[in-house]
Amino acid sequence: MANSVNTNAGALIALQQLNATNADLAATQTRINTGKKVSNAKDNGAIWAIAQGQRADIGALGAVKTSLDRGVSAVDVALAAGESISDLLLQLKEKALAATDKSLSTASRKALNEDFKAIRDQINTVAANADFNGVNLLKTGATGFQALANAQGTASMTVTPEVLSLGSTSVTVATTTTIGTSTLATTALGLVNASIDNVSSALARLGTKAKALDTHRTFVGKLTDALESGVGNLVDADLAKESAKLQSLQTKQQLGVQALGIANQSPQILLSLFRN
């Protein structure tokens, strides 16, 4: 290699090595600062794209979980109200059965009838107020709802209404049902007994739907956790490894600076050739 003051090949090589070390050091510091080995598309386009797709699914599953949470809450409210209606029907049965006694005095029968009507009317009140965030599964005209079931929005879980208002298919006791006479009491008793059986069946169906929603909600939570772990495996940095690498690169950087300084001094040696 020719000795020249115009071209210092040793310094050029040392500078190239130092620049490479500085680039590696900057990348390592970025990984430590962000905690990610792939923080943007420039780091690794393919991995970044895969991770972004998984993040999109994770966000969508968050919406699915919210929808399922709403569904579970709506069914829980309906179940609580339905159980109250069932309890009211048991009270109606007691009143109706007592009113079938033909030996009752007029005053006693009137008192039983007033109690019966008051309890009867509470059924509609309970059904009308079994509302959660605009969803009511028990009142007349209820339409049920559909909860999201997957991140693509192509599947749903449907909960059909179980109308428990007076005069409905399940609660056959009507708004006009009374026990003012023993004959009316016998008729009312039959309606109450049928209503008790129907409401029990309706609550069983709602309970099954509630369990299905809750089970799927748990699955969505586990799926979200698995996807988040998968994204972490793709993009998260091993900080212990990066810490060790940082120490190595810092040492290498210092040595590179010294090597460049030595290389820059080599042209000075040529001056000795021209001394007298």
C-alpha atoms as a PDB file:
ATOM      1  CA  MET A   1       0.000   0.000   0.000  1.00  0.00           C
ATOM      2  CA  ALA A   2       1.420   3.392  -1.038  1.00  0.00           C
ATOM      3  CA  ASN A   3       2.164   5.965   1.609  1.00  0.00           C
ATOM      4  CA  SER A   4       0.222   9.132   0.757  1.00  0.00           C
ATOM      5  CA  VAL A   5      -0.951  12.273   2.453  1.00  0.00           C
ATOM      6  CA  ASN A   6      -3.881  12.475   0.019  1.00  0.00           C
ATOM      7  CA  THR A   7      -5.435   9.090   0.756  1.00  0.00           C
ATOM      8  CA  ASN A   8      -5.486   7.443   4.185  1.00  0.00           C
ATOM      9  CA  ALA A   9      -6.895   3.971   3.583  1.00  0.00           C
ATOM     10  CA  GLY A  10      -6.460   2.954   7.211  1.00  0.00           C
ATOM     11  CA  ALA A  11      -8.519   5.903   8.401  1.00  0.00           C
ATOM     12  CA  LEU A  12     -11.243   5.142   5.852  1.00  0.00           C
ATOM     13  CA  ILE A  13     -11.500   1.538   7.038  1.00  0.00           C
ATOM     14  CA  ALA A  14     -11.520   2.608  10.685  1.00  0.00           C
ATOM     15  CA  LEU A  15     -14.221   5.166   9.942  1.00  0.00           C
ATOM     16  CA  GLN A  16     -16.368   2.564   8.162  1.00  0.00           C
ATOM     17  CA  GLN A  17     -16.089   0.220  11.122  1.00  0.00           C
ATOM     18  CA  LEU A  18     -16.883   3.008  13.574  1.00  0.00           C
ATOM     19  CA  ASN A  19     -19.948   4.044  11.566  1.00  0.00           C
ATOM     20  CA  ALA A  20     -21.172   0.427  11.525  1.00  0.00           C
ATOM     21  CA  THR A  21     -20.661   0.185  15.289  1.00  0.00           C
ATOM     22  CA  ASN A  22     -22.517   3.460  15.833  1.00  0.00           C
ATOM     23  CA  ALA A  23     -25.422   2.192  13.711  1.00  0.00           C
ATOM     24  CA  ASP A  24     -25.627  -1.045  15.720  1.00  0.00           C
ATOM     25  CA  LEU A  25     -25.380   0.942  18.943  1.00  0.00           C
ATOM     26  CA  ALA A  26     -28.239   3.237  17.885  1.00  0.00           C
ATOM     27  CA  ALA A  27     -30.411   0.209  16.981  1.00  0.00           C
ATOM     28  CA  THR A  28     -29.671  -1.415  20.331  1.00  0.00           C
ATOM     29  CA  GLN A  29     -30.477   1.778  22.231  1.00  0.00           C
ATOM     30  CA  THR A  30     -33.771   2.046  20.328  1.00  0.00           C
ATOM     31  CA  ARG A  31     -34.690  -1.533  21.323  1.00  0.00           C
ATOM     32  CA  ILE A  32     -33.913  -0.747  24.948  1.00  0.00           C
ATOM     33  CA  ASN A  33     -35.874   2.508  24.866  1.00  0.00           C
ATOM     34  CA  THR A  34     -38.957   0.997  23.181  1.00  0.00           C
ATOM     35  CA  GLY A  35     -38.701  -2.542  24.512  1.00  0.00           C
ATOM     36  CA  LYS A  36     -39.232  -3.753  20.939  1.00  0.00           C
ATOM     37  CA  LYS A  37     -36.912  -5.312  18.417  1.00  0.00           C
ATOM     38  CA  VAL A  38     -39.394  -4.376  15.648  1.00  0.00           C
ATOM     39  CA  SER A  39     -40.900  -0.976  16.416  1.00  0.00           C
ATOM     40  CA  ASN A  40     -41.618   0.152  12.849  1.00  0.00           C
ATOM     41  CA  ALA A  41     -41.748  -1.160   9.297  1.00  0.00           C
ATOM     42  CA  LYS A  42     -38.126  -0.135   8.642  1.00  0.00           C
ATOM     43  CA  ASP A  43     -36.869  -2.556  11.291  1.00  0.00           C
ATOM     44  CA  ASN A  44     -38.468  -5.590   9.648  1.00  0.00           C
ATOM     45  CA  GLY A  45     -41.295  -4.975   7.178  1.00  0.00           C
ATOM     46  CA  ALA A  46     -42.643  -8.538   7.111  1.00  0.00           C
ATOM     47  CA  ILE A  47     -42.728  -9.005  10.879  1.00  0.00           C
ATOM     48  CA  TRP A  48     -44.183  -5.526  11.410  1.00  0.00           C
ATOM     49  CA  ALA A  49     -46.998  -6.256   8.931  1.00  0.00           C
ATOM     50  CA  ILE A  50     -47.836  -9.553  10.640  1.00  0.00           C
ATOM     51  CA  ALA A  51     -47.847  -7.859  14.044  1.00  0.00           C
ATOM     52  CA  GLN A  52     -50.112  -5.072  12.786  1.00  0.00           C
ATOM     53  CA  GLY A  53     -52.586  -7.635  11.494  1.00  0.00           C
ATOM     54  CA  GLN A  54     -52.643  -9.352  14.878  1.00  0.00           C
ATOM     55  CA  ARG A  55     -53.068  -6.004  16.643  1.00  0.00           C
ATOM     56  CA  ALA A  56     -56.095  -5.339  14.442  1.00  0.00           C
ATOM     57  CA  ASP A  57     -57.607  -8.667  15.535  1.00  0.00           C
ATOM     58  CA  ILE A  58     -56.874  -7.864  19.180  1.00  0.00           C
ATOM     59  CA  GLY A  59     -58.684  -4.534  18.856  1.00  0.00           C
ATOM     60  CA  ALA A  60     -61.636  -6.225  17.150  1.00  0.00           C
ATOM     61  CA  LEU A  61     -61.808  -8.856  19.890  1.00  0.00           C
ATOM     62  CA  GLY A  62     -62.031  -6.004  22.397  1.00  0.00           C
ATOM     63  CA  ALA A  63     -65.213  -4.889  20.636  1.00  0.00           C
ATOM     64  CA  VAL A  64     -66.493  -8.487  20.682  1.00  0.00           C
ATOM     65  CA  LYS A  65     -65.871  -8.739  24.421  1.00  0.00           C
ATOM     66  CA  THR A  66     -67.712  -5.458  25.003  1.00  0.00           C
ATOM     67  CA  SER A  67     -70.684  -6.771  23.021  1.00  0.00           C
ATOM     68  CA  LEU A  68     -70.662 -10.027  24.990  1.00  0.00           C
ATOM     69  CA  ASP A  69     -70.371  -8.125  28.283  1.00  0.00           C
ATOM     70  CA  ARG A  70     -73.464  -6.150  27.323  1.00  0.00           C
ATOM     71  CA  GLY A  71     -75.295  -9.337  26.419  1.00  0.00           C
ATOM     72  CA  VAL A  72     -74.360 -11.092  29.659  1.00  0.00           C
ATOM     73  CA  SER A  73     -75.499  -8.090  31.694  1.00  0.00           C
ATOM     74  CA  ALA A  74     -78.804  -7.854  29.816  1.00  0.00           C
ATOM     75  CA  VAL A  75     -79.531 -11.544  30.416  1.00  0.00           C
ATOM     76  CA  ASP A  76     -78.511 -11.273  34.079  1.00  0.00           C
ATOM     77  CA  VAL A  77     -80.976  -8.420  34.541  1.00  0.00           C
ATOM     78  CA  ALA A  78     -83.684 -10.451  32.779  1.00  0.00           C
ATOM     79  CA  LEU A  79     -82.970 -13.458  35.003  1.00  0.00           C
ATOM     80  CA  ALA A  80     -83.165 -11.365  38.168  1.00  0.00           C
ATOM     81  CA  ALA A  81     -86.479  -9.866  37.043  1.00  0.00           C
ATOM     82  CA  GLY A  82     -87.773 -13.251  35.925  1.00  0.00           C
ATOM     83  CA  GLU A  83     -87.025 -14.752  39.317  1.00  0.00           C
ATOM     84  CA  SER A  84     -88.949 -11.902  40.936  1.00  0.00           C
ATOM     85  CA  ILE A  85     -91.897 -12.596  38.629  1.00  0.00           C
ATOM     86  CA  SER A  86     -91.730 -16.269  39.536  1.00  0.00           C
ATOM     87  CA  ASP A  87     -91.859 -15.332  43.225  1.00  0.00           C
ATOM     88  CA  LEU A  88     -94.863 -13.095  42.550  1.00  0.00           C
ATOM     89  CA  LEU A  89     -96.635 -15.983  40.835  1.00  0.00           C
ATOM     90  CA  LEU A  90     -96.072 -18.151  43.891  1.00  0.00           C
ATOM     91  CA  GLN A  91     -97.766 -15.456  45.974  1.00  0.00           C
ATOM     92  CA  LEU A  92    -100.637 -15.318  43.475  1.00  0.00           C
ATOM     93  CA  LYS A  93    -101.062 -19.068  43.764  1.00  0.00           C
ATOM     94  CA  GLU A  94    -101.375 -18.790  47.518  1.00  0.00           C
ATOM     95  CA  LYS A  95    -104.034 -16.074  47.194  1.00  0.00           C
ATOM     96  CA  ALA A  96    -105.942 -17.890  44.435  1.00  0.00           C
ATOM     97  CA  LEU A  97    -105.954 -21.189  46.291  1.00  0.00           C
ATOM     98  CA  ALA A  98    -107.193 -19.508  49.457  1.00  0.00           C
ATOM     99  CA  ALA A  99    -109.969 -17.824  47.456  1.00  0.00           C
ATOM    100  CA  THR A 100    -111.305 -21.150  46.158  1.00  0.00           C
ATOM    101  CA  ASP A 101    -112.650 -21.776  49.667  1.00  0.00           C
ATOM    102  CA  LYS A 102    -116.406 -21.280  49.289  1.00  0.00           C
ATOM    103  CA  SER A 103    -116.844 -20.691  52.999  1.00  0.00           C
ATOM    104  CA  LEU A 104    -114.940 -17.387  52.943  1.00  0.00           C
ATOM    105  CA  SER A 105    -116.740 -14.313  54.147  1.00  0.00           C
ATOM    106  CA  THR A 106    -117.332 -11.466  51.744  1.00  0.00           C
ATOM    107  CA  ALA A 107    -114.832  -9.258  53.571  1.00  0.00           C
ATOM    108  CA  SER A 108    -112.136 -11.937  53.497  1.00  0.00           C
ATOM    109  CA  ARG A 109    -112.681 -12.665  49.819  1.00  0.00           C
ATOM    110  CA  LYS A 110    -112.524  -8.953  49.005  1.00  0.00           C
ATOM    111  CA  ALA A 111    -109.245  -8.584  50.914  1.00  0.00           C
ATOM    112  CA  LEU A 112    -107.747 -11.590  49.103  1.00  0.00           C
ATOM    113  CA  ASN A 113    -108.869 -10.197  45.757  1.00  0.00           C
ATOM    114  CA  GLU A 114    -107.299  -6.799  46.449  1.00  0.00           C
ATOM    115  CA  ASP A 115    -104.024  -8.473  47.420  1.00  0.00           C
ATOM    116  CA  PHE A 116    -104.189 -10.635  44.305  1.00  0.00           C
ATOM    117  CA  LYS A 117    -104.685  -7.647  41.991  1.00  0.00           C
ATOM    118  CA  ALA A 118    -101.857  -5.690  43.621  1.00  0.00           C
ATOM    119  CA  ILE A 119     -99.425  -8.590  43.258  1.00  0.00           C
ATOM    120  CA  ARG A 120    -100.684  -9.292  39.721  1.00  0.00           C
ATOM    121  CA  ASP A 121     -99.980  -5.737  38.595  1.00  0.00           C
ATOM    122  CA  GLN A 122     -96.428  -5.891  39.967  1.00  0.00           C
ATOM    123  CA  ILE A 123     -95.618  -8.482  37.305  1.00  0.00           C
ATOM    124  CA  ASN A 124     -95.973  -5.906  34.517  1.00  0.00           C
ATOM    125  CA  THR A 125     -93.984  -3.380  36.522  1.00  0.00           C
ATOM    126  CA  VAL A 126     -91.094  -5.799  36.987  1.00  0.00           C
ATOM    127  CA  ALA A 127     -91.129  -6.898  33.332  1.00  0.00           C
ATOM    128  CA  ALA A 128     -91.213  -3.313  32.050  1.00  0.00           C
ATOM    129  CA  ASN A 129     -88.235  -2.298  34.207  1.00  0.00           C
ATOM    130  CA  ALA A 130     -85.969  -5.268  33.396  1.00  0.00           C
ATOM    131  CA  ASP A 131     -83.859  -3.018  31.187  1.00  0.00           C
ATOM    132  CA  PHE A 132     -80.090  -2.855  30.692  1.00  0.00           C
ATOM    133  CA  ASN A 133     -78.635  -0.276  28.329  1.00  0.00           C
ATOM    134  CA  GLY A 134     -81.771  -0.265  26.205  1.00  0.00           C
ATOM    135  CA  VAL A 135     -82.160  -4.061  26.106  1.00  0.00           C
ATOM    136  CA  ASN A 136     -85.237  -5.624  27.708  1.00  0.00           C
ATOM    137  CA  LEU A 137     -85.960  -9.297  27.131  1.00  0.00           C
ATOM    138  CA  LEU A 138     -89.147  -9.554  29.196  1.00  0.00           C
ATOM    139  CA  LYS A 139     -91.531  -6.758  28.276  1.00  0.00           C
ATOM    140  CA  THR A 140     -94.169  -6.913  25.557  1.00  0.00           C
ATOM    141  CA  GLY A 141     -92.634  -6.129  22.175  1.00  0.00           C
ATOM    142  CA  ALA A 142     -89.128  -7.229  23.184  1.00  0.00           C
ATOM    143  CA  THR A 143     -87.009  -8.203  20.171  1.00  0.00           C
ATOM    144  CA  GLY A 144     -83.979  -9.784  21.852  1.00  0.00           C
ATOM    145  CA  PHE A 145     -80.460  -8.956  20.704  1.00  0.00           C
ATOM    146  CA  GLN A 146     -77.393 -10.293  18.906  1.00  0.00           C
ATOM    147  CA  ALA A 147     -73.922 -10.163  20.433  1.00  0.00           C
ATOM    148  CA  LEU A 148     -70.786 -10.208  18.277  1.00  0.00           C
ATOM    149  CA  ALA A 149     -69.019 -13.563  18.334  1.00  0.00           C
ATOM    150  CA  ASN A 150     -65.838 -13.122  16.268  1.00  0.00           C
ATOM    151  CA  ALA A 151     -63.333 -10.470  15.187  1.00  0.00           C
ATOM    152  CA  GLN A 152     -64.553 -10.551  11.573  1.00  0.00           C
ATOM    153  CA  GLY A 153     -68.145  -9.721  12.518  1.00  0.00           C
ATOM    154  CA  THR A 154     -69.410 -12.722  10.550  1.00  0.00           C
ATOM    155  CA  ALA A 155     -70.828 -14.617  13.543  1.00  0.00           C
ATOM    156  CA  SER A 156     -73.126 -13.639  16.375  1.00  0.00           C
ATOM    157  CA  MET A 157     -74.853 -15.101  19.404  1.00  0.00           C
ATOM    158  CA  THR A 158     -78.595 -14.495  19.445  1.00  0.00           C
ATOM    159  CA  VAL A 159     -80.708 -14.242  22.576  1.00  0.00           C
ATOM    160  CA  THR A 160     -84.419 -14.414  21.890  1.00  0.00           C
ATOM    161  CA  PRO A 161     -86.860 -12.562  24.181  1.00  0.00           C
ATOM    162  CA  GLU A 162     -88.837 -14.351  26.872  1.00  0.00           C
ATOM    163  CA  VAL A 163     -91.856 -12.069  27.333  1.00  0.00           C
ATOM    164  CA  LEU A 164     -93.146 -12.339  30.909  1.00  0.00           C
ATOM    165  CA  SER A 165     -95.734  -9.555  30.891  1.00  0.00           C
ATOM    166  CA  LEU A 166     -99.318 -10.275  31.905  1.00  0.00           C
ATOM    167  CA  GLY A 167    -101.328 -11.987  29.177  1.00  0.00           C
ATOM    168  CA  SER A 168     -98.229 -13.225  27.361  1.00  0.00           C
ATOM    169  CA  THR A 169     -97.574 -16.760  26.185  1.00  0.00           C
ATOM    170  CA  SER A 170     -95.561 -17.481  29.323  1.00  0.00           C
ATOM    171  CA  VAL A 171     -97.613 -15.558  31.896  1.00  0.00           C
ATOM    172  CA  THR A 172    -101.161 -16.545  31.045  1.00  0.00           C
ATOM    173  CA  VAL A 173    -102.556 -14.534  33.975  1.00  0.00           C
ATOM    174  CA  ALA A 174    -104.233 -11.531  32.337  1.00  0.00           C
ATOM    175  CA  THR A 175    -104.495  -7.935  33.494  1.00  0.00           C
ATOM    176  CA  THR A 176    -108.170  -8.613  34.223  1.00  0.00           C
ATOM    177  CA  THR A 177    -107.751 -11.894  36.137  1.00  0.00           C
ATOM    178  CA  THR A 178    -109.365 -11.712  39.608  1.00  0.00           C
ATOM    179  CA  ILE A 179    -110.407 -14.026  42.417  1.00  0.00           C
ATOM    180  CA  GLY A 180    -113.600 -12.190  43.446  1.00  0.00           C
ATOM    181  CA  THR A 181    -115.602 -15.452  43.501  1.00  0.00           C
ATOM    182  CA  SER A 182    -114.682 -19.061  44.093  1.00  0.00           C
ATOM    183  CA  THR A 183    -115.294 -19.794  40.396  1.00  0.00           C
ATOM    184  CA  LEU A 184    -113.004 -16.950  39.324  1.00  0.00           C
ATOM    185  CA  ALA A 185    -110.450 -18.108  41.896  1.00  0.00           C
ATOM    186  CA  THR A 186    -110.462 -21.631  40.434  1.00  0.00           C
ATOM    187  CA  THR A 187    -109.921 -20.240  36.939  1.00  0.00           C
ATOM    188  CA  ALA A 188    -107.178 -17.941  38.200  1.00  0.00           C
ATOM    189  CA  LEU A 189    -105.471 -20.819  40.001  1.00  0.00           C
ATOM    190  CA  GLY A 190    -105.232 -22.756  36.749  1.00  0.00           C
ATOM    191  CA  LEU A 191    -103.744 -19.726  34.979  1.00  0.00           C
ATOM    192  CA  VAL A 192    -101.234 -19.180  37.773  1.00  0.00           C
ATOM    193  CA  ASN A 193    -100.128 -22.810  37.795  1.00  0.00           C
ATOM    194  CA  ALA A 194     -99.574 -22.745  34.033  1.00  0.00           C
ATOM    195  CA  SER A 195     -97.700 -19.450  34.334  1.00  0.00           C
ATOM    196  CA  ILE A 196     -95.387 -20.848  37.018  1.00  0.00           C
ATOM    197  CA  ASP A 197     -94.403 -23.745  34.752  1.00  0.00           C
ATOM    198  CA  ASN A 198     -93.986 -21.461  31.726  1.00  0.00           C
ATOM    199  CA  VAL A 199     -91.859 -18.914  33.584  1.00  0.00           C
ATOM    200  CA  SER A 200     -89.634 -21.658  34.962  1.00  0.00           C
ATOM    201  CA  SER A 201     -89.033 -22.923  31.427  1.00  0.00           C
ATOM    202  CA  ALA A 202     -88.349 -19.395  30.167  1.00  0.00           C
ATOM    203  CA  LEU A 203     -85.834 -18.778  32.935  1.00  0.00           C
ATOM    204  CA  ALA A 204     -84.133 -22.078  32.170  1.00  0.00           C
ATOM    205  CA  ARG A 205     -83.713 -20.986  28.541  1.00  0.00           C
ATOM    206  CA  LEU A 206     -82.330 -17.622  29.602  1.00  0.00           C
ATOM    207  CA  GLY A 207     -79.959 -19.331  32.008  1.00  0.00           C
ATOM    208  CA  THR A 208     -78.635 -21.522  29.202  1.00  0.00           C
ATOM    209  CA  LYS A 209     -78.067 -18.439  27.013  1.00  0.00           C
ATOM    210  CA  ALA A 210     -76.341 -16.636  29.879  1.00  0.00           C
ATOM    211  CA  LYS A 211     -73.969 -19.548  30.379  1.00  0.00           C
ATOM    212  CA  ALA A 212     -73.204 -19.708  26.644  1.00  0.00           C
ATOM    213  CA  LEU A 213     -72.456 -15.981  26.516  1.00  0.00           C
ATOM    214  CA  ASP A 214     -70.274 -16.186  29.611  1.00  0.00           C
ATOM    215  CA  THR A 215     -68.366 -19.193  28.233  1.00  0.00           C
ATOM    216  CA  HIS A 216     -67.729 -17.449  24.924  1.00  0.00           C
ATOM    217  CA  ARG A 217     -66.678 -14.266  26.717  1.00  0.00           C
ATOM    218  CA  THR A 218     -64.084 -16.280  28.653  1.00  0.00           C
ATOM    219  CA  PHE A 219     -62.832 -17.826  25.407  1.00  0.00           C
ATOM    220  CA  VAL A 220     -62.506 -14.395  23.750  1.00  0.00           C
ATOM    221  CA  GLY A 221     -60.474 -13.204  26.734  1.00  0.00           C
ATOM    222  CA  LYS A 222     -58.127 -16.181  26.456  1.00  0.00           C
ATOM    223  CA  LEU A 223     -57.837 -15.713  22.699  1.00  0.00           C
ATOM    224  CA  THR A 224     -56.944 -12.044  23.182  1.00  0.00           C
ATOM    225  CA  ASP A 225     -54.257 -12.976  25.701  1.00  0.00           C
ATOM    226  CA  ALA A 226     -52.828 -15.565  23.306  1.00  0.00           C
ATOM    227  CA  LEU A 227     -52.708 -13.062  20.432  1.00  0.00           C
ATOM    228  CA  GLU A 228     -51.026 -10.451  22.610  1.00  0.00           C
ATOM    229  CA  SER A 229     -48.411 -13.005  23.632  1.00  0.00           C
ATOM    230  CA  GLY A 230     -47.914 -13.897  19.968  1.00  0.00           C
ATOM    231  CA  VAL A 231     -47.359 -10.261  19.012  1.00  0.00           C
ATOM    232  CA  GLY A 232     -44.930  -9.943  21.904  1.00  0.00           C
ATOM    233  CA  ASN A 233     -42.959 -12.935  20.632  1.00  0.00           C
ATOM    234  CA  LEU A 234     -42.704 -11.261  17.230  1.00  0.00           C
ATOM    235  CA  VAL A 235     -41.728  -7.721  18.202  1.00  0.00           C
ATOM    236  CA  ASP A 236     -40.570  -7.582  21.831  1.00  0.00           C
ATOM    237  CA  ALA A 237     -36.860  -7.270  22.509  1.00  0.00           C
ATOM    238  CA  ASP A 238     -34.920  -9.494  24.914  1.00  0.00           C
ATOM    239  CA  LEU A 239     -33.727  -6.712  27.209  1.00  0.00           C
ATOM    240  CA  ALA A 240     -31.191  -8.897  29.005  1.00  0.00           C
ATOM    241  CA  LYS A 241     -29.599  -9.750  25.668  1.00  0.00           C
ATOM    242  CA  GLU A 242     -29.769  -6.135  24.480  1.00  0.00           C
ATOM    243  CA  SER A 243     -28.139  -4.945  27.705  1.00  0.00           C
ATOM    244  CA  ALA A 244     -25.189  -7.253  27.168  1.00  0.00           C
ATOM    245  CA  LYS A 245     -24.969  -6.190  23.538  1.00  0.00           C
ATOM    246  CA  LEU A 246     -24.986  -2.529  24.562  1.00  0.00           C
ATOM    247  CA  GLN A 247     -21.974  -3.045  26.789  1.00  0.00           C
ATOM    248  CA  SER A 248     -20.134  -4.805  23.974  1.00  0.00           C
ATOM    249  CA  LEU A 249     -20.938  -2.119  21.405  1.00  0.00           C
ATOM    250  CA  GLN A 250     -19.940   0.711  23.738  1.00  0.00           C
ATOM    251  CA  THR A 251     -16.559  -0.944  24.214  1.00  0.00           C
ATOM    252  CA  LYS A 252     -16.278  -1.535  20.484  1.00  0.00           C
ATOM    253  CA  GLN A 253     -17.141   2.127  19.850  1.00  0.00           C
ATOM    254  CA  GLN A 254     -14.380   3.311  22.162  1.00  0.00           C
ATOM    255  CA  LEU A 255     -11.885   1.031  20.444  1.00  0.00           C
ATOM    256  CA  GLY A 256     -13.059   2.270  17.046  1.00  0.00           C
ATOM    257  CA  VAL A 257     -12.493   5.874  18.083  1.00  0.00           C
ATOM    258  CA  GLN A 258      -8.967   4.998  19.215  1.00  0.00           C
ATOM    259  CA  ALA A 259      -8.282   3.085  15.988  1.00  0.00           C
ATOM    260  CA  LEU A 260      -9.455   6.046  13.926  1.00  0.00           C
ATOM    261  CA  GLY A 261      -7.199   8.358  15.935  1.00  0.00           C
ATOM    262  CA  ILE A 262      -4.199   6.109  15.299  1.00  0.00           C
ATOM    263  CA  ALA A 263      -5.028   5.878  11.593  1.00  0.00           C
ATOM    264  CA  ASN A 264      -5.297   9.660  11.358  1.00  0.00           C
ATOM    265  CA  GLN A 265      -1.783   9.995  12.778  1.00  0.00           C
ATOM    266  CA  SER A 266      -0.145   7.843  10.067  1.00  0.00           C
ATOM    267  CA  PRO A 267       0.410  10.758   7.605  1.00  0.00           C
ATOM    268  CA  GLN A 268       2.483  12.456  10.294  1.00  0.00           C
ATOM    269  CA  ILE A 269       5.005   9.632   9.982  1.00  0.00           C
ATOM    270  CA  LEU A 270       5.739  10.749   6.414  1.00  0.00           C
ATOM    271  CA  LEU A 271       7.122  14.047   7.736  1.00  0.00           C
ATOM    272  CA  SER A 272      10.094  12.203   9.192  1.00  0.00           C
ATOM    273  CA  LEU A 273      11.152  11.223   5.690  1.00  0.00           C
ATOM    274  CA  PHE A 274      11.726  14.859   4.774  1.00  0.00           C
ATOM    275  CA  ARG A 275      13.650  16.006   7.819  1.00  0.00           C
ATOM    276  CA  ASN A 276      17.278  17.097   7.369  1.00  0.00           C
END
